[in-house]
C-alpha atoms as a PDB file:
ATOM      1  CA  MET A   1       3.088  -7.153 -41.181  1.00  0.00           C
ATOM      2  CA  PRO A   2       5.577  -7.668 -38.295  1.00  0.00           C
ATOM      3  CA  ASP A   3       4.403  -7.478 -34.692  1.00  0.00           C
ATOM      4  CA  PRO A   4       5.266  -3.962 -33.378  1.00  0.00           C
ATOM      5  CA  SER A   5       6.133  -5.367 -29.964  1.00  0.00           C
ATOM      6  CA  PRO A   6       7.752  -8.798 -30.235  1.00  0.00           C
ATOM      7  CA  ARG A   7       7.305 -10.947 -27.177  1.00  0.00           C
ATOM      8  CA  THR A   8      10.153 -12.496 -25.233  1.00  0.00           C
ATOM      9  CA  LYS A   9      10.000 -15.170 -22.577  1.00  0.00           C
ATOM     10  CA  LEU A  10      10.894 -14.119 -19.017  1.00  0.00           C
ATOM     11  CA  THR A  11      11.714 -16.583 -16.246  1.00  0.00           C
ATOM     12  CA  LEU A  12      11.100 -15.514 -12.655  1.00  0.00           C
ATOM     13  CA  ARG A  13      12.016 -17.504  -9.579  1.00  0.00           C
ATOM     14  CA  LEU A  14       9.465 -16.817  -6.861  1.00  0.00           C
ATOM     15  CA  ASP A  15       8.005 -18.509  -3.819  1.00  0.00           C
ATOM     16  CA  ARG A  16       5.592 -21.259  -4.893  1.00  0.00           C
ATOM     17  CA  ASP A  17       2.775 -19.922  -2.679  1.00  0.00           C
ATOM     18  CA  LEU A  18       3.168 -16.456  -4.180  1.00  0.00           C
ATOM     19  CA  ILE A  19       2.950 -17.859  -7.700  1.00  0.00           C
ATOM     20  CA  GLU A  20      -0.178 -19.861  -6.862  1.00  0.00           C
ATOM     21  CA  ALA A  21      -1.819 -16.828  -5.241  1.00  0.00           C
ATOM     22  CA  ALA A  22      -0.959 -14.686  -8.271  1.00  0.00           C
ATOM     23  CA  LYS A  23      -2.409 -17.307 -10.636  1.00  0.00           C
ATOM     24  CA  ARG A  24      -5.641 -17.417  -8.618  1.00  0.00           C
ATOM     25  CA  TYR A  25      -5.845 -13.619  -8.638  1.00  0.00           C
ATOM     26  CA  ALA A  26      -5.273 -13.478 -12.409  1.00  0.00           C
ATOM     27  CA  ASP A  27      -7.960 -16.128 -12.921  1.00  0.00           C
ATOM     28  CA  GLU A  28     -10.414 -14.193 -10.722  1.00  0.00           C
ATOM     29  CA  GLN A  29      -9.698 -11.081 -12.785  1.00  0.00           C
ATOM     30  CA  GLY A  30     -10.267 -12.966 -16.037  1.00  0.00           C
ATOM     31  CA  THR A  31      -6.736 -12.458 -17.304  1.00  0.00           C
ATOM     32  CA  SER A  32      -3.486 -14.347 -17.579  1.00  0.00           C
ATOM     33  CA  LEU A  33      -0.553 -14.091 -15.228  1.00  0.00           C
ATOM     34  CA  SER A  34       1.560 -12.818 -18.141  1.00  0.00           C
ATOM     35  CA  ARG A  35      -0.886  -9.976 -18.829  1.00  0.00           C
ATOM     36  CA  LEU A  36      -1.076  -9.159 -15.137  1.00  0.00           C
ATOM     37  CA  VAL A  37       2.725  -8.899 -14.863  1.00  0.00           C
ATOM     38  CA  ALA A  38       2.954  -6.951 -18.141  1.00  0.00           C
ATOM     39  CA  GLY A  39       0.396  -4.441 -16.850  1.00  0.00           C
ATOM     40  CA  TYR A  40       2.385  -3.993 -13.655  1.00  0.00           C
ATOM     41  CA  PHE A  41       5.623  -3.494 -15.599  1.00  0.00           C
ATOM     42  CA  ARG A  42       3.887  -0.915 -17.859  1.00  0.00           C
ATOM     43  CA  ALA A  43       2.650   0.967 -14.779  1.00  0.00           C
ATOM     44  CA  LEU A  44       6.171   1.001 -13.341  1.00  0.00           C
ATOM     45  CA  ALA A  45       7.605   2.273 -16.620  1.00  0.00           C
ATOM     46  CA  ARG A  46       5.071   5.154 -16.702  1.00  0.00           C
ATOM     47  CA  GLN A  47       6.068   6.435 -13.280  1.00  0.00           C
ATOM     48  CA  THR A  48       8.103   9.599 -13.300  1.00  0.00           C
ATOM     49  CA  GLU A  49      11.484   9.739 -11.615  1.00  0.00           C
ATOM     50  CA  ALA A  50       9.965  11.805  -8.775  1.00  0.00           C
ATOM     51  CA  GLU A  51       7.340   9.135  -8.128  1.00  0.00           C
ATOM     52  CA  ARG A  52      10.050   6.482  -7.874  1.00  0.00           C
ATOM     53  CA  GLN A  53      12.049   8.439  -5.289  1.00  0.00           C
ATOM     54  CA  PRO A  54      11.528   7.385  -1.665  1.00  0.00           C
ATOM     55  CA  GLN A  55       9.263   9.687   0.281  1.00  0.00           C
ATOM     56  CA  ALA A  56      11.161  12.180   2.398  1.00  0.00           C
ATOM     57  CA  GLU A  57      10.556  11.834   6.129  1.00  0.00           C
ATOM     58  CA  GLU A  58       9.105  15.349   6.308  1.00  0.00           C
ATOM     59  CA  ASP A  59       6.470  14.401   3.702  1.00  0.00           C
ATOM     60  CA  TRP A  60       4.710  12.010   6.086  1.00  0.00           C
ATOM     61  CA  LYS A  61       2.004  14.573   6.872  1.00  0.00           C
ATOM     62  CA  ASP A  62       1.105  14.809   3.183  1.00  0.00           C
ATOM     63  CA  ARG A  63       0.387  11.075   3.110  1.00  0.00           C
ATOM     64  CA  LEU A  64      -2.245  11.326   5.865  1.00  0.00           C
ATOM     65  CA  SER A  65      -5.930  11.469   5.051  1.00  0.00           C
ATOM     66  CA  PRO A  66      -7.510  14.932   5.407  1.00  0.00           C
ATOM     67  CA  TRP A  67      -9.413  13.824   8.513  1.00  0.00           C
ATOM     68  CA  THR A  68      -6.282  12.484  10.227  1.00  0.00           C
ATOM     69  CA  ARG A  69      -4.325  15.577   9.217  1.00  0.00           C
ATOM     70  CA  SER A  70      -7.032  17.747  10.831  1.00  0.00           C
ATOM     71  CA  LEU A  71      -6.262  16.112  14.196  1.00  0.00           C
ATOM     72  CA  LEU A  72      -2.583  17.107  14.178  1.00  0.00           C
ATOM     73  CA  GLY A  73      -1.686  19.495  16.965  1.00  0.00           C
ATOM     74  CA  ARG A  74      -5.017  19.190  18.737  1.00  0.00           C
ATOM     75  CA  LYS A  75      -5.074  18.591  22.454  1.00  0.00           C
ATOM     76  CA  PRO A  76      -7.614  16.467  24.285  1.00  0.00           C
ATOM     77  CA  ALA A  77     -10.680  18.347  25.490  1.00  0.00           C
ATOM     78  CA  VAL A  78     -10.010  17.174  29.047  1.00  0.00           C
ATOM     79  CA  ASP A  79      -6.618  17.180  30.734  1.00  0.00           C
ATOM     80  CA  LEU A  80      -6.432  13.772  32.441  1.00  0.00           C
ATOM     81  CA  ASP A  81      -3.493  12.577  34.439  1.00  0.00           C
ATOM     82  CA  GLU A  82      -2.331   8.976  34.730  1.00  0.00           C
ATOM     83  CA  GLU A  83      -4.305   8.359  37.927  1.00  0.00           C
ATOM     84  CA  ASP A  84      -7.549   9.490  36.250  1.00  0.00           C
ATOM     85  CA  TYR A  85      -6.838   7.166  33.358  1.00  0.00           C
ATOM     86  CA  TYR A  86      -6.369   4.125  35.597  1.00  0.00           C
ATOM     87  CA  ARG A  87      -9.540   4.997  37.525  1.00  0.00           C
ATOM     88  CA  TYR A  88     -11.405   5.158  34.238  1.00  0.00           C
ATOM     89  CA  LEU A  89     -10.082   1.736  33.191  1.00  0.00           C
ATOM     90  CA  GLU A  90     -11.036   0.189  36.532  1.00  0.00           C
ATOM     91  CA  GLU A  91     -14.593   1.513  36.197  1.00  0.00           C
ATOM     92  CA  LYS A  92     -14.839   0.383  32.603  1.00  0.00           C
ATOM     93  CA  HIS A  93     -13.726  -3.192  33.308  1.00  0.00           C
ATOM     94  CA  ARG A  94     -15.712  -3.914  36.455  1.00  0.00           C
END
């Protein structure tokens, strides 16, 4: 029975340090570098076109964690001016 997915050799030219780091990572994960790269390529192929599009600048808020997003638009509890800030720093670093 023929192999449903014949394998083909792929040659990549990468920085030597990157290759060594990738080999170590694959070894730590108990897999081969070929399987690691194949898994990455499969993940890329599964992405939808929308996922591959660069994020629009106005979408930056959606990428924040809920906690960080909750801080947007809030003002400090105390209204300090620059002089107060420098006084605070002087006291702190005495």
